[in-house]
């Protein structure tokens, strides 16, 4: 590694780590100020609040990655610009693109680190939610809904209670097909058991075969291997997106869609699980050439340009996300529009920098 590369890497990492250590505390301070009274009203002690926020640190770290990367990039490049180090590098035959090469490489690494945090965050958030007793009691039951399983069975359920894993008033139907029998099941109740799945109780099973023959039977218990969804997954209001992994969000969104619900919010959050970590690299590409636009201003310039970019990005991120949840944009476009716009601007800025 060249001496210049070591200088760039060392400067960037020092700034990045400083901001990364400070930013989560700002998030925690803002969240505590807004919600502490509610936590105390629910009987949560201050010690429990502190422990809950410890579990939320991975989430705040993930949010801080793009901010820390931007600040570190802007201050590194701007400092090298004001001290004529970039000019010296160019005089020695090293282009601007080569100077920021180590920062871009670090951006790729940090993006993968942020993606890895995305698998830790949901599990930590679940523990934090339990400590803060923030589970919504309305999410423990659901009544009068229809659900279509992956195999094509349609379930009509009068009432589902997730707390004890039971259903009542169940009707299961399957339309006839070229190679499958029509099916109609009527059951008084059903219950969920881990490892077994759903078992229906006290009902009738009627089968209309493809050869037009009919078979009817009464049962005390009938195991339905077709329905693999857990009770909490069939609820109308799922867990918060921050408490689910990428795969869990995709599965929950599919369940909601088959239940006839609107899964746009979850689908947007699913795409954001990837878009936010990738923003770390995109915002580095955007900030590096922008930091060479002025040789004056010093620290004030670096802080101003960083804050301006962060505020604009967050505003764009919120607006596009809201449009996606409302159905005006597809979830994919809603989550990725900010990154795409910033990336296009970054390419233009990088192409215009004197090398």
Protein backbone atom coordinates (compact mmCIF):
# COMPACT_ATOMS: atom_id res chain seq x y z
CA UNK A 1 0.00 0.00 0.00
CA UNK A 2 1.30 3.42 -0.94
CA UNK A 3 1.97 6.12 1.64
CA UNK A 4 -0.84 8.17 0.06
CA UNK A 5 -3.25 5.25 0.40
CA UNK A 6 -2.36 4.85 4.06
CA UNK A 7 -2.96 8.57 4.62
CA UNK A 8 -6.39 8.42 2.97
CA UNK A 9 -7.44 5.22 4.75
CA UNK A 10 -6.23 6.38 8.17
CA UNK A 11 -7.91 9.77 7.90
CA UNK A 12 -11.18 8.30 6.65
CA UNK A 13 -11.37 5.56 9.29
CA UNK A 14 -10.60 7.94 12.17
CA UNK A 15 -13.38 10.28 11.12
CA UNK A 16 -15.78 7.44 10.34
CA UNK A 17 -15.30 5.77 13.72
CA UNK A 18 -15.69 9.06 15.61
CA UNK A 19 -19.00 9.86 13.89
CA UNK A 20 -20.16 6.24 14.17
CA UNK A 21 -19.56 6.34 17.92
CA UNK A 22 -21.36 9.67 18.37
CA UNK A 23 -24.36 9.33 16.00
CA UNK A 24 -26.18 6.47 17.82
CA UNK A 25 -26.17 8.51 21.02
CA UNK A 26 -27.97 11.31 19.19
CA UNK A 27 -30.58 8.86 17.91
CA UNK A 28 -31.04 7.45 21.42
CA UNK A 29 -31.32 10.92 22.95
CA UNK A 30 -34.01 11.95 20.45
CA UNK A 31 -35.97 8.72 20.89
CA UNK A 32 -35.80 8.84 24.70
CA UNK A 33 -37.00 12.44 24.73
CA UNK A 34 -40.03 11.48 22.64
CA UNK A 35 -41.03 8.18 24.26
CA UNK A 36 -39.70 8.07 27.84
CA UNK A 37 -42.99 9.25 29.39
CA UNK A 38 -44.88 6.48 27.58
CA UNK A 39 -42.41 3.84 28.75
CA UNK A 40 -42.74 4.94 32.37
CA UNK A 41 -46.55 4.96 32.10
CA UNK A 42 -46.39 1.27 31.09
CA UNK A 43 -44.43 0.51 34.24
CA UNK A 44 -41.01 0.16 32.59
CA UNK A 45 -38.20 1.12 34.95
CA UNK A 46 -35.35 3.40 33.92
CA UNK A 47 -32.94 0.48 34.17
CA UNK A 48 -35.11 -1.52 31.74
CA UNK A 49 -35.25 1.45 29.36
CA UNK A 50 -31.45 1.67 29.40
CA UNK A 51 -31.13 -2.07 28.74
CA UNK A 52 -33.66 -1.88 25.90
CA UNK A 53 -31.68 0.88 24.20
CA UNK A 54 -28.53 -1.20 24.46
CA UNK A 55 -30.27 -3.78 22.28
CA UNK A 56 -31.24 -1.05 19.81
CA UNK A 57 -27.63 0.04 19.26
CA UNK A 58 -27.21 -2.26 16.19
CA UNK A 59 -30.20 -0.48 14.58
CA UNK A 60 -28.79 2.97 15.32
CA UNK A 61 -25.37 1.89 14.06
CA UNK A 62 -26.91 0.75 10.79
CA UNK A 63 -28.67 4.10 10.40
CA UNK A 64 -25.40 5.88 11.17
CA UNK A 65 -23.31 4.13 8.52
CA UNK A 66 -24.28 6.40 5.57
CA UNK A 67 -23.99 9.53 7.73
CA UNK A 68 -20.59 8.56 9.13
CA UNK A 69 -19.33 7.56 5.67
CA UNK A 70 -20.42 10.88 4.18
CA UNK A 71 -18.87 13.00 6.92
CA UNK A 72 -15.62 11.03 6.78
CA UNK A 73 -15.47 11.31 2.99
CA UNK A 74 -16.21 15.04 2.87
CA UNK A 75 -13.72 15.94 5.60
CA UNK A 76 -11.00 13.65 4.20
CA UNK A 77 -11.23 14.95 0.63
CA UNK A 78 -11.84 18.58 1.61
CA UNK A 79 -8.89 18.55 4.01
CA UNK A 80 -6.62 17.12 1.31
CA UNK A 81 -7.90 19.77 -1.09
CA UNK A 82 -7.28 22.71 1.24
CA UNK A 83 -3.79 21.44 2.14
CA UNK A 84 -2.89 21.00 -1.55
CA UNK A 85 -2.30 17.27 -1.10
CA UNK A 86 -4.58 16.40 -4.03
CA UNK A 87 -2.76 18.94 -6.20
CA UNK A 88 0.55 17.36 -5.19
CA UNK A 89 -0.79 13.91 -6.02
CA UNK A 90 -1.93 15.08 -9.45
CA UNK A 91 1.49 16.65 -10.05
CA UNK A 92 3.00 13.25 -9.27
CA UNK A 93 0.82 11.55 -11.86
CA UNK A 94 -1.86 10.25 -9.44
CA UNK A 95 -5.39 11.07 -10.57
CA UNK A 96 -8.18 12.17 -8.26
CA UNK A 97 -10.03 8.92 -8.95
CA UNK A 98 -6.97 6.96 -7.82
CA UNK A 99 -6.65 9.11 -4.68
CA UNK A 100 -10.18 8.29 -3.55
CA UNK A 101 -9.84 4.64 -4.61
CA UNK A 102 -9.20 3.46 -1.02
CA UNK A 103 -12.29 5.34 0.19
CA UNK A 104 -14.44 3.61 -2.42
CA UNK A 105 -12.94 0.23 -1.46
CA UNK A 106 -13.75 0.95 2.18
CA UNK A 107 -17.27 1.93 1.11
CA UNK A 108 -17.77 -1.50 -0.44
CA UNK A 109 -16.54 -3.19 2.74
CA UNK A 110 -18.73 -1.00 4.95
CA UNK A 111 -21.74 -1.76 2.77
CA UNK A 112 -21.32 -5.47 3.42
CA UNK A 113 -20.84 -4.80 7.13
CA UNK A 114 -24.10 -2.80 7.16
CA UNK A 115 -25.86 -5.64 5.34
CA UNK A 116 -24.57 -8.03 7.99
CA UNK A 117 -25.97 -5.79 10.72
CA UNK A 118 -29.33 -6.14 8.97
CA UNK A 119 -29.47 -9.75 10.18
CA UNK A 120 -28.62 -8.81 13.77
CA UNK A 121 -30.94 -5.80 14.09
CA UNK A 122 -34.33 -7.66 13.98
CA UNK A 123 -33.39 -10.11 16.73
CA UNK A 124 -32.06 -7.34 18.96
CA UNK A 125 -35.16 -5.21 18.31
CA UNK A 126 -37.46 -8.05 19.35
CA UNK A 127 -35.72 -8.28 22.72
CA UNK A 128 -35.89 -4.50 23.10
CA UNK A 129 -39.61 -4.52 22.29
CA UNK A 130 -40.23 -7.19 24.93
CA UNK A 131 -38.34 -5.20 27.56
CA UNK A 132 -40.27 -2.02 26.76
CA UNK A 133 -43.55 -3.97 26.72
CA UNK A 134 -44.45 -2.30 23.44
CA UNK A 135 -46.30 -5.23 21.91
CA UNK A 136 -49.66 -4.12 20.53
CA UNK A 137 -52.51 -6.11 22.17
CA UNK A 138 -54.65 -5.66 19.05
CA UNK A 139 -52.23 -7.90 17.20
CA UNK A 140 -53.10 -10.99 19.29
CA UNK A 141 -56.37 -11.84 17.52
CA UNK A 142 -58.17 -11.55 14.20
CA UNK A 143 -61.75 -12.27 13.12
CA UNK A 144 -63.69 -12.99 9.92
CA UNK A 145 -60.86 -13.24 7.41
CA UNK A 146 -60.00 -15.26 4.32
CA UNK A 147 -56.54 -16.63 3.61
CA UNK A 148 -55.17 -18.44 0.56
CA UNK A 149 -52.32 -20.85 1.23
CA UNK A 150 -49.44 -21.45 -1.17
CA UNK A 151 -50.93 -24.79 -2.30
CA UNK A 152 -54.20 -23.15 -3.32
CA UNK A 153 -56.45 -23.93 -0.35
CA UNK A 154 -58.77 -21.12 0.71
CA UNK A 155 -59.29 -20.77 4.47
CA UNK A 156 -62.24 -18.89 5.96
CA UNK A 157 -61.81 -18.30 9.69
CA UNK A 158 -64.31 -16.77 12.10
CA UNK A 159 -61.74 -16.03 14.81
CA UNK A 160 -58.03 -16.55 15.39
CA UNK A 161 -56.27 -15.96 18.71
CA UNK A 162 -52.49 -16.04 18.47
CA UNK A 163 -51.95 -16.10 22.24
CA UNK A 164 -53.16 -19.71 22.54
CA UNK A 165 -52.83 -20.67 18.86
CA UNK A 166 -56.49 -21.48 18.23
CA UNK A 167 -59.06 -20.96 15.45
CA UNK A 168 -62.84 -21.28 15.47
CA UNK A 169 -65.46 -21.45 12.70
CA UNK A 170 -63.21 -22.86 9.97
CA UNK A 171 -64.08 -23.55 6.34
CA UNK A 172 -61.42 -24.87 3.97
CA UNK A 173 -62.04 -25.15 0.23
CA UNK A 174 -60.11 -26.15 -2.88
CA UNK A 175 -61.47 -25.78 -6.40
CA UNK A 176 -61.32 -28.82 -8.69
CA UNK A 177 -58.54 -29.05 -11.23
CA UNK A 178 -57.37 -31.38 -14.01
CA UNK A 179 -55.29 -33.46 -11.60
CA UNK A 180 -56.73 -32.61 -8.20
CA UNK A 181 -59.93 -33.31 -6.32
CA UNK A 182 -62.24 -30.59 -5.07
CA UNK A 183 -62.14 -30.29 -1.30
CA UNK A 184 -64.48 -28.85 1.31
CA UNK A 185 -63.72 -29.01 5.03
CA UNK A 186 -65.93 -27.66 7.82
CA UNK A 187 -64.56 -27.64 11.38
CA UNK A 188 -65.68 -26.14 14.69
CA UNK A 189 -62.15 -25.30 15.84
CA UNK A 190 -58.44 -25.88 15.32
CA UNK A 191 -55.20 -25.49 17.23
CA UNK A 192 -51.51 -25.01 16.47
CA UNK A 193 -48.75 -27.27 17.78
CA UNK A 194 -45.07 -26.69 17.11
CA UNK A 195 -43.75 -29.48 14.87
CA UNK A 196 -47.24 -30.67 13.90
CA UNK A 197 -48.86 -27.55 12.51
CA UNK A 198 -52.60 -26.94 12.45
CA UNK A 199 -55.03 -29.63 13.63
CA UNK A 200 -58.76 -29.21 12.98
CA UNK A 201 -61.35 -30.54 15.44
CA UNK A 202 -64.95 -31.74 15.19
CA UNK A 203 -65.83 -31.41 11.54
CA UNK A 204 -66.61 -32.90 8.15
CA UNK A 205 -64.39 -33.54 5.14
CA UNK A 206 -66.00 -33.75 1.71
CA UNK A 207 -64.05 -34.71 -1.42
CA UNK A 208 -65.34 -34.49 -5.00
CA UNK A 209 -63.04 -36.60 -7.14
CA UNK A 210 -62.14 -36.00 -10.77
CA UNK A 211 -64.27 -39.03 -11.77
CA UNK A 212 -67.31 -37.23 -10.26
CA UNK A 213 -67.55 -39.57 -7.27
CA UNK A 214 -68.04 -38.02 -3.86
CA UNK A 215 -66.70 -39.00 -0.45
CA UNK A 216 -67.75 -37.53 2.90
CA UNK A 217 -66.31 -38.32 6.32
CA UNK A 218 -66.68 -37.01 9.85
CA UNK A 219 -63.57 -36.44 11.95
CA UNK A 220 -62.65 -35.64 15.52
CA UNK A 221 -59.20 -34.41 14.55
CA UNK A 222 -57.64 -33.69 11.16
CA UNK A 223 -54.02 -32.57 10.69
CA UNK A 224 -53.72 -29.97 7.88
CA UNK A 225 -50.15 -30.09 6.61
CA UNK A 226 -51.04 -27.58 3.89
CA UNK A 227 -51.09 -24.58 6.25
CA UNK A 228 -47.59 -24.02 7.64
CA UNK A 229 -48.02 -20.42 8.83
CA UNK A 230 -47.77 -19.83 12.55
CA UNK A 231 -50.67 -18.08 14.39
CA UNK A 232 -48.81 -14.77 14.72
CA UNK A 233 -48.07 -14.80 10.98
CA UNK A 234 -51.79 -14.92 10.16
CA UNK A 235 -52.60 -11.79 12.14
CA UNK A 236 -53.79 -8.72 10.29
CA UNK A 237 -51.10 -6.53 11.87
CA UNK A 238 -47.68 -8.25 11.71
CA UNK A 239 -44.61 -7.48 13.80
CA UNK A 240 -42.86 -4.22 13.09
CA UNK A 241 -40.59 -4.37 10.04
CA UNK A 242 -37.55 -3.52 12.20
CA UNK A 243 -38.20 -6.78 14.09
CA UNK A 244 -38.11 -8.97 10.97
CA UNK A 245 -35.31 -10.10 8.67
CA UNK A 246 -35.44 -9.67 4.89
CA UNK A 247 -36.79 -13.21 4.41
CA UNK A 248 -39.34 -12.83 7.21
CA UNK A 249 -40.67 -9.61 5.70
CA UNK A 250 -41.00 -11.27 2.28
CA UNK A 251 -42.88 -14.19 3.83
CA UNK A 252 -45.18 -11.94 5.88
CA UNK A 253 -45.94 -9.76 2.86
CA UNK A 254 -46.89 -12.86 0.87
CA UNK A 255 -49.22 -13.98 3.68
CA UNK A 256 -50.90 -10.57 3.85
CA UNK A 257 -51.41 -10.48 0.08
CA UNK A 258 -52.98 -13.93 0.11
CA UNK A 259 -55.24 -12.74 2.94
CA UNK A 260 -56.45 -9.91 0.72
CA UNK A 261 -54.57 -7.22 2.65
CA UNK A 262 -52.29 -4.39 1.54
CA UNK A 263 -48.62 -5.37 1.88
CA UNK A 264 -47.11 -2.24 0.28
CA UNK A 265 -45.69 -0.95 3.56
CA UNK A 266 -43.90 -4.22 4.28
CA UNK A 267 -42.65 -4.55 0.70
CA UNK A 268 -41.16 -1.04 0.85
CA UNK A 269 -39.46 -1.88 4.15
CA UNK A 270 -38.11 -5.08 2.62
CA UNK A 271 -36.43 -3.19 -0.20
CA UNK A 272 -35.12 -0.60 2.26
CA UNK A 273 -33.33 -3.40 4.12
CA UNK A 274 -30.93 -3.49 1.16
CA UNK A 275 -31.17 0.12 -0.03
CA UNK A 276 -30.05 1.73 3.25
CA UNK A 277 -26.77 -0.24 3.55
CA UNK A 278 -26.01 0.35 -0.15
CA UNK A 279 -26.50 4.08 0.48
CA UNK A 280 -23.19 3.96 2.38
CA UNK A 281 -21.30 3.40 -0.88
CA UNK A 282 -23.51 5.63 -3.01
CA UNK A 283 -23.16 8.59 -0.68
CA UNK A 284 -19.36 8.18 -0.63
CA UNK A 285 -19.29 8.38 -4.43
CA UNK A 286 -21.49 11.49 -4.26
CA UNK A 287 -19.63 13.28 -1.46
CA UNK A 288 -16.05 12.77 -2.64
CA UNK A 289 -16.14 14.94 -5.81
CA UNK A 290 -18.45 17.48 -4.14
CA UNK A 291 -15.90 18.08 -1.39
CA UNK A 292 -13.39 19.42 -3.98
CA UNK A 293 -15.74 22.18 -5.12
CA UNK A 294 -14.30 24.75 -2.70
CA UNK A 295 -10.96 25.34 -1.07
CA UNK A 296 -12.38 27.70 1.51
CA UNK A 297 -14.57 27.31 4.49
CA UNK A 298 -12.58 24.70 6.40
CA UNK A 299 -14.54 22.81 9.03
CA UNK A 300 -17.65 24.92 8.53
CA UNK A 301 -17.74 24.00 4.85
CA UNK A 302 -17.40 20.28 5.63
CA UNK A 303 -20.13 20.33 8.26
CA UNK A 304 -22.46 22.40 6.08
CA UNK A 305 -22.14 20.23 3.00
CA UNK A 306 -22.51 17.03 5.03
CA UNK A 307 -25.64 18.24 6.82
CA UNK A 308 -27.15 19.50 3.58
CA UNK A 309 -26.66 16.16 1.82
CA UNK A 310 -27.96 14.15 4.79
CA UNK A 311 -31.10 16.30 5.15
CA UNK A 312 -31.84 16.15 1.43
CA UNK A 313 -31.28 12.40 1.28
CA UNK A 314 -33.50 11.72 4.31
CA UNK A 315 -36.24 13.96 2.90
CA UNK A 316 -36.11 12.19 -0.45
CA UNK A 317 -36.02 8.82 1.30
CA UNK A 318 -39.12 9.63 3.38
CA UNK A 319 -41.09 11.05 0.45
CA UNK A 320 -40.38 8.14 -1.89
CA UNK A 321 -41.11 5.65 0.90
CA UNK A 322 -44.46 7.30 1.62
CA UNK A 323 -45.36 7.19 -2.09
CA UNK A 324 -44.49 3.50 -2.14
CA UNK A 325 -46.64 2.73 0.89
CA UNK A 326 -49.54 4.64 -0.69
CA UNK A 327 -49.20 2.64 -3.91
CA UNK A 328 -48.16 5.59 -6.08
CA UNK A 329 -44.78 3.94 -6.68
CA UNK A 330 -43.78 0.30 -6.73
CA UNK A 331 -41.98 -0.80 -3.53
CA UNK A 332 -38.77 -1.38 -5.50
CA UNK A 333 -38.80 2.10 -7.02
CA UNK A 334 -39.81 3.75 -3.74
CA UNK A 335 -36.85 2.28 -1.87
CA UNK A 336 -34.22 2.75 -4.56
CA UNK A 337 -35.07 6.14 -6.14
CA UNK A 338 -32.90 8.09 -3.64
CA UNK A 339 -29.89 5.84 -4.27
CA UNK A 340 -30.37 5.93 -8.04
CA UNK A 341 -30.62 9.73 -8.12
CA UNK A 342 -27.57 10.16 -5.89
CA UNK A 343 -25.62 7.61 -7.94
CA UNK A 344 -26.40 9.39 -11.22
CA UNK A 345 -25.33 12.70 -9.69
CA UNK A 346 -22.18 11.02 -8.36
CA UNK A 347 -21.25 9.73 -11.82
CA UNK A 348 -21.72 13.21 -13.31
CA UNK A 349 -19.66 14.85 -10.55
CA UNK A 350 -16.87 12.26 -10.82
CA UNK A 351 -16.74 12.75 -14.58
CA UNK A 352 -16.39 16.53 -14.18
CA UNK A 353 -13.61 16.45 -11.57
CA UNK A 354 -10.23 17.41 -12.94
CA UNK A 355 -8.05 14.35 -12.74
